[in-house]
Amino acid sequence: MAKKKPTPKLLKITQVRSKIGQKPKARRTIEALGLKRLHHTVIHKDTPQIRGMINRVQHLVRVEEIEAQ
């Protein structure tokens, strides 16, 4: 019997606060995540790099874990 690969976790990231008035590093991190405007949502794989970016701008985004299909 073959082992099943674990399904990778995904992160649903939504921008909830404006990047206006934020420090340049936070602005660039929001752009690097692919967020373009308020209430814009992107989906990324759950990796240490993405988690680090989220940690940098945690006051600007909302994060939800979702299962890959």
C-alpha atoms as a PDB file:
ATOM      1  CA  MET A   1       0.000   0.000   0.000  1.00  0.00           C
ATOM      2  CA  ALA A   2       1.453   3.328  -1.088  1.00  0.00           C
ATOM      3  CA  LYS A   3       1.778   6.117   1.409  1.00  0.00           C
ATOM      4  CA  LYS A   4      -0.154   9.275   0.735  1.00  0.00           C
ATOM      5  CA  LYS A   5       1.723  12.539   0.635  1.00  0.00           C
ATOM      6  CA  PRO A   6       0.509  15.019   3.232  1.00  0.00           C
ATOM      7  CA  THR A   7      -1.493  17.806   1.659  1.00  0.00           C
ATOM      8  CA  PRO A   8       0.431  21.059   1.778  1.00  0.00           C
ATOM      9  CA  LYS A   9      -1.066  23.806   3.882  1.00  0.00           C
ATOM     10  CA  LEU A  10      -1.961  27.054   2.210  1.00  0.00           C
ATOM     11  CA  LEU A  11      -2.247  30.519   3.690  1.00  0.00           C
ATOM     12  CA  LYS A  12      -4.992  32.926   2.686  1.00  0.00           C
ATOM     13  CA  ILE A  13      -3.591  36.423   3.269  1.00  0.00           C
ATOM     14  CA  THR A  14      -5.849  39.493   3.192  1.00  0.00           C
ATOM     15  CA  GLN A  15      -4.713  43.104   3.521  1.00  0.00           C
ATOM     16  CA  VAL A  16      -6.909  44.806   6.123  1.00  0.00           C
ATOM     17  CA  ARG A  17      -4.998  48.047   6.809  1.00  0.00           C
ATOM     18  CA  SER A  18      -3.477  50.587   4.448  1.00  0.00           C
ATOM     19  CA  LYS A  19       0.225  50.709   3.716  1.00  0.00           C
ATOM     20  CA  ILE A  20       0.064  54.525   3.562  1.00  0.00           C
ATOM     21  CA  GLY A  21       2.223  55.937   6.339  1.00  0.00           C
ATOM     22  CA  GLN A  22       4.035  52.643   6.934  1.00  0.00           C
ATOM     23  CA  LYS A  23       7.799  52.204   6.836  1.00  0.00           C
ATOM     24  CA  PRO A  24       9.329  51.377   3.437  1.00  0.00           C
ATOM     25  CA  LYS A  25      10.213  47.791   4.471  1.00  0.00           C
ATOM     26  CA  ALA A  26       6.575  47.102   5.364  1.00  0.00           C
ATOM     27  CA  ARG A  27       5.380  48.615   2.067  1.00  0.00           C
ATOM     28  CA  ARG A  28       7.794  46.487   0.044  1.00  0.00           C
ATOM     29  CA  THR A  29       6.826  43.355   1.975  1.00  0.00           C
ATOM     30  CA  ILE A  30       3.120  43.927   1.248  1.00  0.00           C
ATOM     31  CA  GLU A  31       3.951  44.332  -2.449  1.00  0.00           C
ATOM     32  CA  ALA A  32       6.187  41.233  -2.405  1.00  0.00           C
ATOM     33  CA  LEU A  33       3.293  39.196  -0.986  1.00  0.00           C
ATOM     34  CA  GLY A  34       1.267  40.269  -4.029  1.00  0.00           C
ATOM     35  CA  LEU A  35      -1.219  42.454  -2.178  1.00  0.00           C
ATOM     36  CA  LYS A  36      -2.319  45.461  -4.212  1.00  0.00           C
ATOM     37  CA  ARG A  37      -5.119  47.171  -2.264  1.00  0.00           C
ATOM     38  CA  LEU A  38      -7.273  46.919   0.854  1.00  0.00           C
ATOM     39  CA  HIS A  39      -9.288  43.701   1.163  1.00  0.00           C
ATOM     40  CA  HIS A  40      -7.235  42.085  -1.598  1.00  0.00           C
ATOM     41  CA  THR A  41      -6.588  38.385  -0.908  1.00  0.00           C
ATOM     42  CA  VAL A  42      -3.780  36.132  -2.117  1.00  0.00           C
ATOM     43  CA  ILE A  43      -2.999  32.473  -1.442  1.00  0.00           C
ATOM     44  CA  HIS A  44       0.553  31.259  -0.772  1.00  0.00           C
ATOM     45  CA  LYS A  45       2.088  27.964   0.324  1.00  0.00           C
ATOM     46  CA  ASP A  46       2.925  27.811   4.011  1.00  0.00           C
ATOM     47  CA  THR A  47       6.718  28.216   3.956  1.00  0.00           C
ATOM     48  CA  PRO A  48       9.135  29.753   6.459  1.00  0.00           C
ATOM     49  CA  GLN A  49       9.838  32.590   4.018  1.00  0.00           C
ATOM     50  CA  ILE A  50       6.166  33.538   3.699  1.00  0.00           C
ATOM     51  CA  ARG A  51       5.686  33.214   7.475  1.00  0.00           C
ATOM     52  CA  GLY A  52       8.581  35.643   7.988  1.00  0.00           C
ATOM     53  CA  MET A  53       7.037  38.143   5.583  1.00  0.00           C
ATOM     54  CA  ILE A  54       3.699  37.857   7.368  1.00  0.00           C
ATOM     55  CA  ASN A  55       5.421  38.410  10.707  1.00  0.00           C
ATOM     56  CA  ARG A  56       6.925  41.652   9.363  1.00  0.00           C
ATOM     57  CA  VAL A  57       3.485  43.061   8.419  1.00  0.00           C
ATOM     58  CA  GLN A  58       1.208  41.240  10.874  1.00  0.00           C
ATOM     59  CA  HIS A  59      -0.452  44.530  11.846  1.00  0.00           C
ATOM     60  CA  LEU A  60      -1.601  45.071   8.227  1.00  0.00           C
ATOM     61  CA  VAL A  61      -2.869  41.617   7.241  1.00  0.00           C
ATOM     62  CA  ARG A  62      -5.228  38.832   8.327  1.00  0.00           C
ATOM     63  CA  VAL A  63      -4.054  35.242   7.791  1.00  0.00           C
ATOM     64  CA  GLU A  64      -6.126  32.060   7.574  1.00  0.00           C
ATOM     65  CA  GLU A  65      -4.835  28.512   7.108  1.00  0.00           C
ATOM     66  CA  ILE A  66      -6.670  26.512   4.453  1.00  0.00           C
ATOM     67  CA  GLU A  67      -6.287  22.962   3.170  1.00  0.00           C
ATOM     68  CA  ALA A  68      -5.077  22.334  -0.382  1.00  0.00           C
ATOM     69  CA  GLN A  69      -7.474  20.381  -2.567  1.00  0.00           C
END
